[in-house]
Amino acid sequence: MAEAKRLKVTLVKSPIGRSADQHKTLKALGLGKVSSSHELPDNEAVRGMIFKVKHLVSVEEL
C-alpha cells in the first residue's frame, strides 16, 4: 500500500488586515500564529485552500 502524500504548511506572514474569508481559511488549515505549521493530506480541497492564502504561507511536500 502506497503512503499518501502530505504537505507541511507554515504561516509566514501575518493575516492582520486581510479579509475575513482568508482568516477563516487559515483557521481551517490549522494555522493560528506566525511560524505555526501543520501537516495536511495532499488533496484538491487542501490545495484549493492553500491557493487562496498562498501569499501568507509556505508549503513543503513531505
PDB file of N, CA and C in Angstrom:
ATOM      1  N   MET A   1       0.846  -1.179   0.000  1.00  0.00           N
ATOM      2  CA  MET A   1       0.000   0.000   0.000  1.00  0.00           C
ATOM      3  C   MET A   1       0.889   1.238   0.000  1.00  0.00           C
ATOM      4  N   ALA A   2       0.666   2.132  -0.929  1.00  0.00           N
ATOM      5  CA  ALA A   2       1.473   3.341  -1.059  1.00  0.00           C
ATOM      6  C   ALA A   2       1.119   4.343   0.040  1.00  0.00           C
ATOM      7  N   GLU A   3       2.151   5.015   0.511  1.00  0.00           N
ATOM      8  CA  GLU A   3       1.941   6.030   1.539  1.00  0.00           C
ATOM      9  C   GLU A   3       1.358   7.284   0.899  1.00  0.00           C
ATOM     10  N   ALA A   4       0.342   7.852   1.528  1.00  0.00           N
ATOM     11  CA  ALA A   4      -0.300   9.055   0.999  1.00  0.00           C
ATOM     12  C   ALA A   4       0.638  10.246   1.132  1.00  0.00           C
ATOM     13  N   LYS A   5       0.620  11.117   0.141  1.00  0.00           N
ATOM     14  CA  LYS A   5       1.460  12.301   0.179  1.00  0.00           C
ATOM     15  C   LYS A   5       0.915  13.291   1.191  1.00  0.00           C
ATOM     16  N   ARG A   6       1.823  14.041   1.807  1.00  0.00           N
ATOM     17  CA  ARG A   6       1.454  15.020   2.822  1.00  0.00           C
ATOM     18  C   ARG A   6       2.105  16.352   2.471  1.00  0.00           C
ATOM     19  N   LEU A   7       1.517  17.424   2.963  1.00  0.00           N
ATOM     20  CA  LEU A   7       2.056  18.765   2.785  1.00  0.00           C
ATOM     21  C   LEU A   7       2.273  19.381   4.156  1.00  0.00           C
ATOM     22  N   LYS A   8       3.392  20.070   4.322  1.00  0.00           N
ATOM     23  CA  LYS A   8       3.630  20.832   5.546  1.00  0.00           C
ATOM     24  C   LYS A   8       3.420  22.296   5.199  1.00  0.00           C
ATOM     25  N   VAL A   9       2.418  22.910   5.818  1.00  0.00           N
ATOM     26  CA  VAL A   9       2.049  24.294   5.544  1.00  0.00           C
ATOM     27  C   VAL A   9       2.464  25.132   6.748  1.00  0.00           C
ATOM     28  N   THR A  10       3.197  26.229   6.491  1.00  0.00           N
ATOM     29  CA  THR A  10       3.681  27.106   7.548  1.00  0.00           C
ATOM     30  C   THR A  10       3.209  28.524   7.273  1.00  0.00           C
ATOM     31  N   LEU A  11       2.669  29.175   8.293  1.00  0.00           N
ATOM     32  CA  LEU A  11       2.238  30.572   8.176  1.00  0.00           C
ATOM     33  C   LEU A  11       3.470  31.462   8.306  1.00  0.00           C
ATOM     34  N   VAL A  12       3.782  32.246   7.266  1.00  0.00           N
ATOM     35  CA  VAL A  12       4.986  33.074   7.271  1.00  0.00           C
ATOM     36  C   VAL A  12       4.682  34.565   7.335  1.00  0.00           C
ATOM     37  N   LYS A  13       3.458  34.974   7.044  1.00  0.00           N
ATOM     38  CA  LYS A  13       3.080  36.381   7.128  1.00  0.00           C
ATOM     39  C   LYS A  13       1.804  36.505   7.949  1.00  0.00           C
ATOM     40  N   SER A  14       1.669  37.616   8.639  1.00  0.00           N
ATOM     41  CA  SER A  14       0.512  37.843   9.489  1.00  0.00           C
ATOM     42  C   SER A  14      -0.742  38.100   8.657  1.00  0.00           C
ATOM     43  N   PRO A  15      -1.878  37.554   9.086  1.00  0.00           N
ATOM     44  CA  PRO A  15      -3.129  37.799   8.370  1.00  0.00           C
ATOM     45  C   PRO A  15      -3.834  39.085   8.800  1.00  0.00           C
ATOM     46  N   ILE A  16      -3.180  39.893   9.634  1.00  0.00           N
ATOM     47  CA  ILE A  16      -3.796  41.150  10.078  1.00  0.00           C
ATOM     48  C   ILE A  16      -4.042  42.042   8.860  1.00  0.00           C
ATOM     49  N   GLY A  17      -5.243  42.574   8.763  1.00  0.00           N
ATOM     50  CA  GLY A  17      -5.602  43.441   7.645  1.00  0.00           C
ATOM     51  C   GLY A  17      -6.102  42.692   6.426  1.00  0.00           C
ATOM     52  N   ARG A  18      -6.166  41.379   6.492  1.00  0.00           N
ATOM     53  CA  ARG A  18      -6.670  40.565   5.377  1.00  0.00           C
ATOM     54  C   ARG A  18      -8.166  40.355   5.554  1.00  0.00           C
ATOM     55  N   SER A  19      -8.800  39.858   4.522  1.00  0.00           N
ATOM     56  CA  SER A  19     -10.253  39.669   4.571  1.00  0.00           C
ATOM     57  C   SER A  19     -10.640  38.534   5.522  1.00  0.00           C
ATOM     58  N   ALA A  20     -11.873  38.546   5.955  1.00  0.00           N
ATOM     59  CA  ALA A  20     -12.368  37.559   6.910  1.00  0.00           C
ATOM     60  C   ALA A  20     -12.311  36.147   6.338  1.00  0.00           C
ATOM     61  N   ASP A  21     -12.554  35.994   5.041  1.00  0.00           N
ATOM     62  CA  ASP A  21     -12.519  34.650   4.467  1.00  0.00           C
ATOM     63  C   ASP A  21     -11.102  34.086   4.468  1.00  0.00           C
ATOM     64  N   GLN A  22     -10.080  34.932   4.360  1.00  0.00           N
ATOM     65  CA  GLN A  22      -8.705  34.444   4.448  1.00  0.00           C
ATOM     66  C   GLN A  22      -8.374  34.039   5.884  1.00  0.00           C
ATOM     67  N   HIS A  23      -8.872  34.767   6.869  1.00  0.00           N
ATOM     68  CA  HIS A  23      -8.701  34.380   8.273  1.00  0.00           C
ATOM     69  C   HIS A  23      -9.327  33.008   8.515  1.00  0.00           C
ATOM     70  N   LYS A  24     -10.524  32.798   8.002  1.00  0.00           N
ATOM     71  CA  LYS A  24     -11.221  31.525   8.196  1.00  0.00           C
ATOM     72  C   LYS A  24     -10.504  30.385   7.480  1.00  0.00           C
ATOM     73  N   THR A  25      -9.937  30.655   6.310  1.00  0.00           N
ATOM     74  CA  THR A  25      -9.197  29.640   5.575  1.00  0.00           C
ATOM     75  C   THR A  25      -7.958  29.218   6.359  1.00  0.00           C
ATOM     76  N   LEU A  26      -7.240  30.179   6.936  1.00  0.00           N
ATOM     77  CA  LEU A  26      -6.064  29.852   7.745  1.00  0.00           C
ATOM     78  C   LEU A  26      -6.459  29.020   8.963  1.00  0.00           C
ATOM     79  N   LYS A  27      -7.557  29.359   9.587  1.00  0.00           N
ATOM     80  CA  LYS A  27      -8.029  28.598  10.744  1.00  0.00           C
ATOM     81  C   LYS A  27      -8.384  27.167  10.325  1.00  0.00           C
ATOM     82  N   ALA A  28      -9.010  27.018   9.165  1.00  0.00           N
ATOM     83  CA  ALA A  28      -9.369  25.691   8.665  1.00  0.00           C
ATOM     84  C   ALA A  28      -8.129  24.859   8.342  1.00  0.00           C
ATOM     85  N   LEU A  29      -7.044  25.526   7.957  1.00  0.00           N
ATOM     86  CA  LEU A  29      -5.783  24.828   7.691  1.00  0.00           C
ATOM     87  C   LEU A  29      -5.038  24.493   8.983  1.00  0.00           C
ATOM     88  N   GLY A  30      -5.517  25.005  10.110  1.00  0.00           N
ATOM     89  CA  GLY A  30      -4.888  24.719  11.389  1.00  0.00           C
ATOM     90  C   GLY A  30      -3.773  25.673  11.737  1.00  0.00           C
ATOM     91  N   LEU A  31      -3.773  26.859  11.130  1.00  0.00           N
ATOM     92  CA  LEU A  31      -2.714  27.838  11.356  1.00  0.00           C
ATOM     93  C   LEU A  31      -3.262  29.012  12.146  1.00  0.00           C
ATOM     94  N   GLY A  32      -2.592  29.356  13.236  1.00  0.00           N
ATOM     95  CA  GLY A  32      -3.058  30.447  14.062  1.00  0.00           C
ATOM     96  C   GLY A  32      -2.061  31.583  14.133  1.00  0.00           C
ATOM     97  N   LYS A  33      -0.867  31.286  14.629  1.00  0.00           N
ATOM     98  CA  LYS A  33       0.150  32.308  14.805  1.00  0.00           C
ATOM     99  C   LYS A  33       1.216  32.191  13.721  1.00  0.00           C
ATOM    100  N   VAL A  34       1.935  33.274  13.489  1.00  0.00           N
ATOM    101  CA  VAL A  34       3.019  33.274  12.522  1.00  0.00           C
ATOM    102  C   VAL A  34       4.047  32.223  12.931  1.00  0.00           C
ATOM    103  N   SER A  35       4.560  31.503  11.971  1.00  0.00           N
ATOM    104  CA  SER A  35       5.524  30.397  12.075  1.00  0.00           C
ATOM    105  C   SER A  35       4.910  29.117  12.632  1.00  0.00           C
ATOM    106  N   SER A  36       3.583  29.059  12.776  1.00  0.00           N
ATOM    107  CA  SER A  36       2.937  27.791  13.135  1.00  0.00           C
ATOM    108  C   SER A  36       2.855  26.918  11.887  1.00  0.00           C
ATOM    109  N   SER A  37       2.950  25.609  12.078  1.00  0.00           N
ATOM    110  CA  SER A  37       2.938  24.656  10.966  1.00  0.00           C
ATOM    111  C   SER A  37       1.903  23.577  11.210  1.00  0.00           C
ATOM    112  N   HIS A  38       1.490  22.957  10.110  1.00  0.00           N
ATOM    113  CA  HIS A  38       0.531  21.863  10.207  1.00  0.00           C
ATOM    114  C   HIS A  38       0.753  20.945   9.021  1.00  0.00           C
ATOM    115  N   GLU A  39       0.718  19.633   9.262  1.00  0.00           N
ATOM    116  CA  GLU A  39       0.815  18.656   8.181  1.00  0.00           C
ATOM    117  C   GLU A  39      -0.583  18.277   7.740  1.00  0.00           C
ATOM    118  N   LEU A  40      -0.805  18.330   6.431  1.00  0.00           N
ATOM    119  CA  LEU A  40      -2.127  18.065   5.870  1.00  0.00           C
ATOM    120  C   LEU A  40      -1.998  17.088   4.716  1.00  0.00           C
ATOM    121  N   PRO A  41      -3.081  16.364   4.399  1.00  0.00           N
ATOM    122  CA  PRO A  41      -3.045  15.468   3.235  1.00  0.00           C
ATOM    123  C   PRO A  41      -2.991  16.281   1.945  1.00  0.00           C
ATOM    124  N   ASP A  42      -2.345  15.712   0.946  1.00  0.00           N
ATOM    125  CA  ASP A  42      -2.232  16.386  -0.349  1.00  0.00           C
ATOM    126  C   ASP A  42      -3.438  16.000  -1.201  1.00  0.00           C
ATOM    127  N   ASN A  43      -4.476  16.837  -1.165  1.00  0.00           N
ATOM    128  CA  ASN A  43      -5.654  16.590  -1.994  1.00  0.00           C
ATOM    129  C   ASN A  43      -6.163  17.909  -2.566  1.00  0.00           C
ATOM    130  N   GLU A  44      -7.158  17.832  -3.407  1.00  0.00           N
ATOM    131  CA  GLU A  44      -7.663  19.014  -4.108  1.00  0.00           C
ATOM    132  C   GLU A  44      -8.230  20.071  -3.164  1.00  0.00           C
ATOM    133  N   ALA A  45      -8.921  19.654  -2.114  1.00  0.00           N
ATOM    134  CA  ALA A  45      -9.529  20.601  -1.179  1.00  0.00           C
ATOM    135  C   ALA A  45      -8.462  21.409  -0.453  1.00  0.00           C
ATOM    136  N   VAL A  46      -7.441  20.727   0.026  1.00  0.00           N
ATOM    137  CA  VAL A  46      -6.368  21.413   0.744  1.00  0.00           C
ATOM    138  C   VAL A  46      -5.591  22.311  -0.216  1.00  0.00           C
ATOM    139  N   ARG A  47      -5.317  21.839  -1.425  1.00  0.00           N
ATOM    140  CA  ARG A  47      -4.613  22.659  -2.411  1.00  0.00           C
ATOM    141  C   ARG A  47      -5.400  23.923  -2.739  1.00  0.00           C
ATOM    142  N   GLY A  48      -6.717  23.829  -2.800  1.00  0.00           N
ATOM    143  CA  GLY A  48      -7.546  25.000  -3.059  1.00  0.00           C
ATOM    144  C   GLY A  48      -7.474  26.009  -1.931  1.00  0.00           C
ATOM    145  N   MET A  49      -7.463  25.530  -0.682  1.00  0.00           N
ATOM    146  CA  MET A  49      -7.346  26.440   0.457  1.00  0.00           C
ATOM    147  C   MET A  49      -5.971  27.107   0.480  1.00  0.00           C
ATOM    148  N   ILE A  50      -4.931  26.332   0.170  1.00  0.00           N
ATOM    149  CA  ILE A  50      -3.582  26.899   0.130  1.00  0.00           C
ATOM    150  C   ILE A  50      -3.490  27.964  -0.954  1.00  0.00           C
ATOM    151  N   PHE A  51      -4.106  27.715  -2.110  1.00  0.00           N
ATOM    152  CA  PHE A  51      -4.078  28.689  -3.202  1.00  0.00           C
ATOM    153  C   PHE A  51      -4.698  30.019  -2.781  1.00  0.00           C
ATOM    154  N   LYS A  52      -5.733  29.953  -1.961  1.00  0.00           N
ATOM    155  CA  LYS A  52      -6.425  31.162  -1.527  1.00  0.00           C
ATOM    156  C   LYS A  52      -5.549  32.046  -0.644  1.00  0.00           C
ATOM    157  N   VAL A  53      -4.643  31.433   0.116  1.00  0.00           N
ATOM    158  CA  VAL A  53      -3.775  32.195   1.030  1.00  0.00           C
ATOM    159  C   VAL A  53      -2.298  31.991   0.689  1.00  0.00           C
ATOM    160  N   LYS A  54      -1.993  31.758  -0.576  1.00  0.00           N
ATOM    161  CA  LYS A  54      -0.626  31.433  -0.986  1.00  0.00           C
ATOM    162  C   LYS A  54       0.374  32.537  -0.679  1.00  0.00           C
ATOM    163  N   HIS A  55      -0.081  33.771  -0.557  1.00  0.00           N
ATOM    164  CA  HIS A  55       0.794  34.895  -0.255  1.00  0.00           C
ATOM    165  C   HIS A  55       1.138  34.980   1.234  1.00  0.00           C
ATOM    166  N   LEU A  56       0.512  34.139   2.064  1.00  0.00           N
ATOM    167  CA  LEU A  56       0.735  34.173   3.503  1.00  0.00           C
ATOM    168  C   LEU A  56       1.434  32.913   4.018  1.00  0.00           C
ATOM    169  N   VAL A  57       1.538  31.871   3.215  1.00  0.00           N
ATOM    170  CA  VAL A  57       2.067  30.585   3.684  1.00  0.00           C
ATOM    171  C   VAL A  57       3.216  30.097   2.813  1.00  0.00           C
ATOM    172  N   SER A  58       3.984  29.167   3.390  1.00  0.00           N
ATOM    173  CA  SER A  58       4.954  28.417   2.591  1.00  0.00           C
ATOM    174  C   SER A  58       4.564  26.940   2.683  1.00  0.00           C
ATOM    175  N   VAL A  59       4.855  26.189   1.629  1.00  0.00           N
ATOM    176  CA  VAL A  59       4.414  24.795   1.544  1.00  0.00           C
ATOM    177  C   VAL A  59       5.602  23.910   1.202  1.00  0.00           C
ATOM    178  N   GLU A  60       5.715  22.783   1.927  1.00  0.00           N
ATOM    179  CA  GLU A  60       6.721  21.763   1.632  1.00  0.00           C
ATOM    180  C   GLU A  60       6.015  20.445   1.396  1.00  0.00           C
ATOM    181  N   GLU A  61       6.502  19.669   0.438  1.00  0.00           N
ATOM    182  CA  GLU A  61       5.978  18.325   0.229  1.00  0.00           C
ATOM    183  C   GLU A  61       6.778  17.370   1.091  1.00  0.00           C
ATOM    184  N   LEU A  62       6.097  16.470   1.790  1.00  0.00           N
ATOM    185  CA  LEU A  62       6.779  15.501   2.648  1.00  0.00           C
ATOM    186  C   LEU A  62       6.756  14.132   2.020  1.00  0.00           C
TER     187      LEU A  62
END
